[in-house]
Amino acid sequence: MVEELIGAVAAVCAGGLVYLAAAARVVKQYERGVVFRLGRLHGEVRRPGFNLVVPAIDRMRKVNLQIVTMPIPAQEGITRDNVTVRVDAVVYFKVVDPAAAVVNVEDYRFAVSQMAQTSLRSIIGKSELDDLLSNREKLNQGLELMIDSPAVEWGVTIDRVEIKDVSLPDTMKRSMARQAEADRERRARLINADAEYQASKKLAQAAHQMADTPSALQLRLLQTVMAVAAEKNSTLVLPIPVELLRFLERGPEAARQTSTEHAEHAEHAVADAEEAKEALEELRHAVEQ
């Protein structure tokens, strides 16, 4: 009798262990469990840890709540300024409502991937090439909004979307390279012209200053001679100041002008002497009479 009782207890314990093994479910920290009882959603979402379900009646589906990194295949399209480009991106999303992610959509990963590809092609058609190359932050935000709107009904939220690379045709790359080269050459010419303009202004100021003080030109000449002599050169070239040449040009003209003035003074003196002599003669005749 006792042996039969022990056997029955052992059988019950074994059956309980088998039932417990069949009913036990372990949900990890980054997962949530969605239970379906006879095909219908049952109860609340199961939390992480040890959970029990009814074997053969309940079915638990685990949903990962970690952020998923999904690359978007490269999409080819024509921009608003008629340039053919290939753009690839990456989308980061996570599940916030496990029940909606399981019930409302068949495969939320595939749905997000298709929506991301469609949105990327739409963004390419609405944007210009310069925006794709330099204003990616704004395009990323637009992509995120376009993908996130339908994803909310799937229990999924889009964390962020990033455009990784923009591939251009070889002809467009060469055209952009020529444009960039021309722009750099234009800026270099402007910088050189501005430098020449500033240098000319400074030289004009220095010329006016030296014109007010001619000795400054001589001092500058001596400084130049000292700088050249410091290099221990065998040949020393001394520039002749322009002012000296002008002085030499003015020399003969000044001498001729001086001689002309003296001749005129002599002629005036002779004329005055003759007039005085005539006046004396007239006076003498008047006295004699």
Protein backbone atom coordinates (compact mmCIF):
# COMPACT_ATOMS: atom_id res chain seq x y z
CA MET A 1 0.00 0.00 0.00
CA VAL A 2 2.77 2.36 0.94
CA GLU A 3 4.72 1.46 -2.18
CA GLU A 4 1.69 2.22 -4.36
CA LEU A 5 1.27 5.58 -2.61
CA ILE A 6 4.92 6.41 -3.10
CA GLY A 7 4.68 5.42 -6.73
CA ALA A 8 1.59 7.62 -7.21
CA VAL A 9 3.32 10.56 -5.55
CA ALA A 10 6.37 10.03 -7.73
CA ALA A 11 4.19 9.89 -10.81
CA VAL A 12 2.42 13.11 -9.81
CA CYS A 13 5.73 14.81 -9.14
CA ALA A 14 7.11 13.64 -12.45
CA GLY A 15 3.97 14.86 -14.21
CA GLY A 16 4.25 18.19 -12.39
CA LEU A 17 7.86 18.54 -13.43
CA VAL A 18 6.96 17.75 -17.01
CA TYR A 19 4.10 20.28 -16.91
CA LEU A 20 6.35 22.89 -15.31
CA ALA A 21 9.00 22.32 -17.94
CA ALA A 22 6.40 22.67 -20.67
CA ALA A 23 4.79 25.74 -19.11
CA ALA A 24 7.94 27.59 -18.05
CA ARG A 25 9.11 30.54 -20.13
CA VAL A 26 12.08 32.78 -19.40
CA VAL A 27 11.92 36.32 -20.74
CA LYS A 28 15.22 38.20 -20.92
CA GLN A 29 15.73 41.74 -19.67
CA TYR A 30 15.66 43.26 -23.16
CA GLU A 31 12.62 41.24 -24.23
CA ARG A 32 8.87 41.24 -23.62
CA GLY A 33 6.52 38.29 -23.98
CA VAL A 34 3.21 38.48 -25.85
CA VAL A 35 0.89 35.56 -24.95
CA PHE A 36 -1.80 34.21 -27.28
CA ARG A 37 -4.39 31.89 -25.77
CA LEU A 38 -6.17 29.86 -28.39
CA GLY A 39 -5.16 32.47 -30.96
CA ARG A 40 -6.33 35.51 -29.01
CA LEU A 41 -4.18 38.07 -27.25
CA HIS A 42 -4.26 37.19 -23.58
CA GLY A 43 -3.45 39.38 -20.63
CA GLU A 44 -0.72 41.93 -20.36
CA VAL A 45 2.70 41.76 -21.88
CA ARG A 46 4.91 39.48 -19.79
CA ARG A 47 7.77 41.16 -17.99
CA PRO A 48 11.38 39.89 -17.88
CA GLY A 49 11.99 36.87 -15.69
CA PHE A 50 10.28 33.53 -15.10
CA ASN A 51 6.77 33.18 -16.56
CA LEU A 52 4.27 30.31 -16.83
CA VAL A 53 1.88 29.60 -19.68
CA VAL A 54 -0.65 26.86 -20.25
CA PRO A 55 0.96 24.19 -22.44
CA ALA A 56 -0.70 23.45 -25.75
CA ILE A 57 -3.13 26.32 -25.15
CA ASP A 58 -0.97 29.39 -24.69
CA ARG A 59 1.75 30.47 -27.10
CA MET A 60 4.27 33.13 -26.15
CA ARG A 61 6.07 35.25 -28.71
CA LYS A 62 9.09 37.19 -27.50
CA VAL A 63 9.76 40.66 -28.88
CA ASN A 64 13.18 42.32 -28.71
CA LEU A 65 13.12 45.89 -27.40
CA GLN A 66 16.72 46.71 -28.28
CA ILE A 67 17.53 49.36 -30.85
CA VAL A 68 17.80 47.73 -34.27
CA THR A 69 20.34 49.00 -36.80
CA MET A 70 19.01 48.39 -40.28
CA PRO A 71 20.93 49.44 -43.41
CA ILE A 72 18.82 50.81 -46.25
CA PRO A 73 19.94 49.49 -49.65
CA ALA A 74 21.27 52.11 -52.06
CA GLN A 75 18.44 53.78 -53.95
CA GLU A 76 18.95 55.41 -57.33
CA GLY A 77 16.94 58.45 -58.26
CA ILE A 78 16.93 61.83 -59.99
CA THR A 79 17.19 64.96 -57.86
CA ARG A 80 15.09 68.05 -58.34
CA ASP A 81 17.89 69.64 -60.40
CA ASN A 82 18.03 66.58 -62.73
CA VAL A 83 21.13 64.82 -61.40
CA THR A 84 21.19 61.01 -61.16
CA VAL A 85 22.49 59.84 -57.77
CA ARG A 86 22.63 56.69 -55.65
CA VAL A 87 22.01 57.19 -51.94
CA ASP A 88 22.22 54.66 -49.12
CA ALA A 89 21.32 55.21 -45.48
CA VAL A 90 20.86 53.50 -42.14
CA VAL A 91 17.84 53.59 -39.84
CA TYR A 92 17.80 53.02 -36.08
CA PHE A 93 14.48 51.94 -34.54
CA LYS A 94 13.08 50.03 -31.57
CA VAL A 95 9.81 48.46 -30.49
CA VAL A 96 7.86 50.39 -27.86
CA ASP A 97 4.57 48.44 -28.01
CA PRO A 98 5.27 44.69 -28.30
CA ALA A 99 1.60 43.75 -28.68
CA ALA A 100 1.08 46.17 -31.59
CA ALA A 101 4.33 45.06 -33.23
CA VAL A 102 3.08 41.45 -33.21
CA VAL A 103 -0.62 41.99 -33.95
CA ASN A 104 -0.77 45.02 -36.27
CA VAL A 105 1.94 44.04 -38.74
CA GLU A 106 3.13 40.69 -40.08
CA ASP A 107 6.86 41.52 -39.98
CA TYR A 108 7.69 44.90 -38.55
CA ARG A 109 11.35 44.68 -39.61
CA PHE A 110 10.43 44.10 -43.25
CA ALA A 111 7.77 46.82 -43.08
CA VAL A 112 10.24 49.37 -41.70
CA SER A 113 12.79 48.41 -44.34
CA GLN A 114 10.34 48.89 -47.22
CA MET A 115 9.04 52.16 -45.79
CA ALA A 116 12.62 53.43 -45.38
CA GLN A 117 13.47 52.62 -49.02
CA THR A 118 10.33 54.33 -50.28
CA SER A 119 10.94 57.41 -48.15
CA LEU A 120 14.57 57.61 -49.28
CA ARG A 121 13.55 57.60 -52.95
CA SER A 122 10.97 60.28 -52.21
CA ILE A 123 13.55 62.46 -50.45
CA ILE A 124 15.93 62.13 -53.41
CA GLY A 125 13.27 63.38 -55.80
CA LYS A 126 12.37 66.36 -53.60
CA SER A 127 15.93 67.50 -52.86
CA GLU A 128 18.68 69.17 -54.85
CA LEU A 129 22.21 67.86 -55.20
CA ASP A 130 23.68 70.55 -52.94
CA ASP A 131 21.25 69.55 -50.16
CA LEU A 132 22.26 65.90 -50.44
CA LEU A 133 25.93 66.82 -50.18
CA SER A 134 25.93 69.58 -47.56
CA ASN A 135 22.54 69.74 -45.82
CA ARG A 136 22.14 66.13 -44.72
CA GLU A 137 20.94 66.93 -41.22
CA LYS A 138 17.73 68.45 -42.54
CA LEU A 139 17.20 65.51 -44.90
CA ASN A 140 17.78 63.06 -42.06
CA GLN A 141 15.07 64.75 -40.04
CA GLY A 142 12.69 64.61 -43.02
CA LEU A 143 13.40 60.91 -43.50
CA GLU A 144 12.80 60.24 -39.82
CA LEU A 145 9.40 61.94 -39.92
CA MET A 146 8.35 60.12 -43.09
CA ILE A 147 9.24 56.71 -41.66
CA ASP A 148 8.00 57.38 -38.14
CA SER A 149 4.45 58.37 -39.14
CA PRO A 150 3.26 54.90 -40.23
CA ALA A 151 5.61 53.09 -37.84
CA VAL A 152 3.71 54.43 -34.82
CA GLU A 153 0.76 52.15 -35.67
CA TRP A 154 3.15 49.20 -35.75
CA GLY A 155 4.35 49.82 -32.20
CA VAL A 156 7.74 50.96 -33.52
CA THR A 157 9.49 54.29 -33.00
CA ILE A 158 12.29 55.58 -35.22
CA ASP A 159 15.28 56.65 -33.18
CA ARG A 160 17.22 58.30 -36.01
CA VAL A 161 18.01 58.03 -39.72
CA GLU A 162 21.41 58.82 -41.26
CA ILE A 163 22.35 59.17 -44.94
CA LYS A 164 25.66 57.34 -45.30
CA ASP A 165 26.87 57.97 -48.82
CA VAL A 166 25.88 59.76 -52.02
CA SER A 167 27.32 58.29 -55.22
CA LEU A 168 27.60 60.57 -58.25
CA PRO A 169 28.32 59.78 -61.91
CA ASP A 170 31.91 60.24 -63.04
CA THR A 171 30.97 63.09 -65.38
CA MET A 172 29.35 64.96 -62.51
CA LYS A 173 32.40 64.42 -60.32
CA ARG A 174 34.65 65.90 -63.00
CA SER A 175 32.31 68.86 -63.46
CA MET A 176 32.24 69.52 -59.72
CA ALA A 177 36.04 69.26 -59.56
CA ARG A 178 36.39 71.84 -62.35
CA GLN A 179 33.89 74.10 -60.62
CA ALA A 180 35.74 73.86 -57.33
CA GLU A 181 39.06 74.53 -59.05
CA ALA A 182 37.66 77.60 -60.80
CA ASP A 183 36.20 78.88 -57.54
CA ARG A 184 39.55 78.45 -55.74
CA GLU A 185 41.35 80.26 -58.58
CA ARG A 186 38.83 83.10 -58.41
CA ARG A 187 39.35 83.47 -54.67
CA ALA A 188 43.13 83.39 -55.12
CA ARG A 189 42.94 86.18 -57.69
CA LEU A 190 40.72 88.25 -55.44
CA ILE A 191 43.11 87.80 -52.54
CA ASN A 192 46.09 88.79 -54.71
CA ALA A 193 44.25 91.84 -56.05
CA ASP A 194 43.28 92.91 -52.54
CA ALA A 195 46.89 92.48 -51.39
CA GLU A 196 48.13 94.60 -54.29
CA TYR A 197 45.55 97.27 -53.50
CA GLN A 198 46.56 97.42 -49.84
CA ALA A 199 50.25 97.47 -50.76
CA SER A 200 49.69 100.32 -53.23
CA LYS A 201 47.91 102.35 -50.56
CA LYS A 202 50.78 101.84 -48.13
CA LEU A 203 53.35 102.73 -50.81
CA ALA A 204 51.41 105.89 -51.68
CA GLN A 205 51.39 106.89 -48.01
CA ALA A 206 55.13 106.24 -47.79
CA ALA A 207 55.75 108.30 -50.94
CA HIS A 208 53.80 111.25 -49.51
CA GLN A 209 55.72 110.97 -46.26
CA MET A 210 59.07 110.92 -48.06
CA ALA A 211 57.99 113.86 -50.24
CA ASP A 212 57.41 115.91 -47.09
CA THR A 213 60.83 114.92 -45.70
CA PRO A 214 63.35 114.36 -48.55
CA SER A 215 65.99 113.16 -46.07
CA ALA A 216 63.85 110.09 -45.41
CA LEU A 217 64.57 108.94 -48.96
CA GLN A 218 68.32 109.20 -48.32
CA LEU A 219 67.99 107.26 -45.06
CA ARG A 220 66.00 104.57 -46.84
CA LEU A 221 68.71 104.37 -49.50
CA LEU A 222 71.40 103.97 -46.85
CA GLN A 223 69.38 101.22 -45.14
CA THR A 224 69.09 99.40 -48.46
CA VAL A 225 72.87 99.69 -49.02
CA MET A 226 73.53 98.31 -45.53
CA ALA A 227 71.15 95.40 -46.10
CA VAL A 228 72.83 94.53 -49.39
CA ALA A 229 76.34 94.91 -47.95
CA ALA A 230 75.47 92.55 -45.09
CA GLU A 231 75.12 89.70 -47.60
CA LYS A 232 78.86 90.06 -48.54
CA ASN A 233 78.13 90.52 -52.21
CA SER A 234 80.96 91.34 -54.62
CA THR A 235 78.75 93.69 -56.64
CA LEU A 236 76.78 96.56 -55.16
CA VAL A 237 74.21 98.35 -57.27
CA LEU A 238 73.28 101.83 -56.04
CA PRO A 239 70.00 103.15 -57.36
CA ILE A 240 69.96 106.85 -58.32
CA PRO A 241 67.08 108.65 -56.66
CA VAL A 242 64.56 110.11 -59.03
CA GLU A 243 64.67 113.39 -57.13
CA LEU A 244 68.38 113.75 -57.98
CA LEU A 245 67.65 113.34 -61.66
CA ARG A 246 64.93 115.94 -61.44
CA PHE A 247 67.38 118.29 -59.69
CA LEU A 248 69.94 117.79 -62.45
CA GLU A 249 67.29 118.46 -65.05
CA ARG A 250 66.29 121.65 -63.31
CA GLY A 251 69.96 122.84 -63.01
CA PRO A 252 70.60 124.03 -66.62
CA GLU A 253 67.16 125.53 -66.83
CA ALA A 254 67.80 127.47 -63.63
CA ALA A 255 71.20 128.70 -64.94
CA ARG A 256 69.69 129.83 -68.23
CA GLN A 257 66.87 131.53 -66.37
CA THR A 258 69.39 133.31 -64.10
CA SER A 259 71.55 134.53 -67.02
CA THR A 260 68.47 135.76 -68.82
CA GLU A 261 67.37 137.67 -65.76
CA HIS A 262 70.86 139.28 -65.41
CA ALA A 263 70.86 140.31 -69.11
CA GLU A 264 67.45 141.89 -68.73
CA HIS A 265 68.62 143.77 -65.61
CA ALA A 266 71.69 145.04 -67.55
CA GLU A 267 69.58 146.22 -70.46
CA HIS A 268 67.26 148.03 -68.06
CA ALA A 269 70.29 149.63 -66.41
CA VAL A 270 71.71 150.82 -69.77
CA ALA A 271 68.32 152.21 -70.75
CA ASP A 272 68.07 154.03 -67.44
CA ALA A 273 71.60 155.46 -67.93
CA GLU A 274 70.78 156.74 -71.40
CA GLU A 275 67.61 158.35 -70.14
CA ALA A 276 69.56 160.01 -67.34
CA LYS A 277 72.19 161.28 -69.83
CA GLU A 278 69.49 162.74 -72.05
CA ALA A 279 67.93 164.42 -69.08
CA LEU A 280 71.28 166.01 -68.11
CA GLU A 281 71.82 167.28 -71.65
CA GLU A 282 68.41 168.90 -71.68
CA LEU A 283 69.13 170.49 -68.31
CA ARG A 284 72.49 171.83 -69.48
CA HIS A 285 70.93 173.40 -72.59
CA ALA A 286 68.25 174.98 -70.49
CA VAL A 287 70.91 176.54 -68.18
CA GLU A 288 72.93 177.92 -71.07
CA GLN A 289 69.88 179.62 -72.48
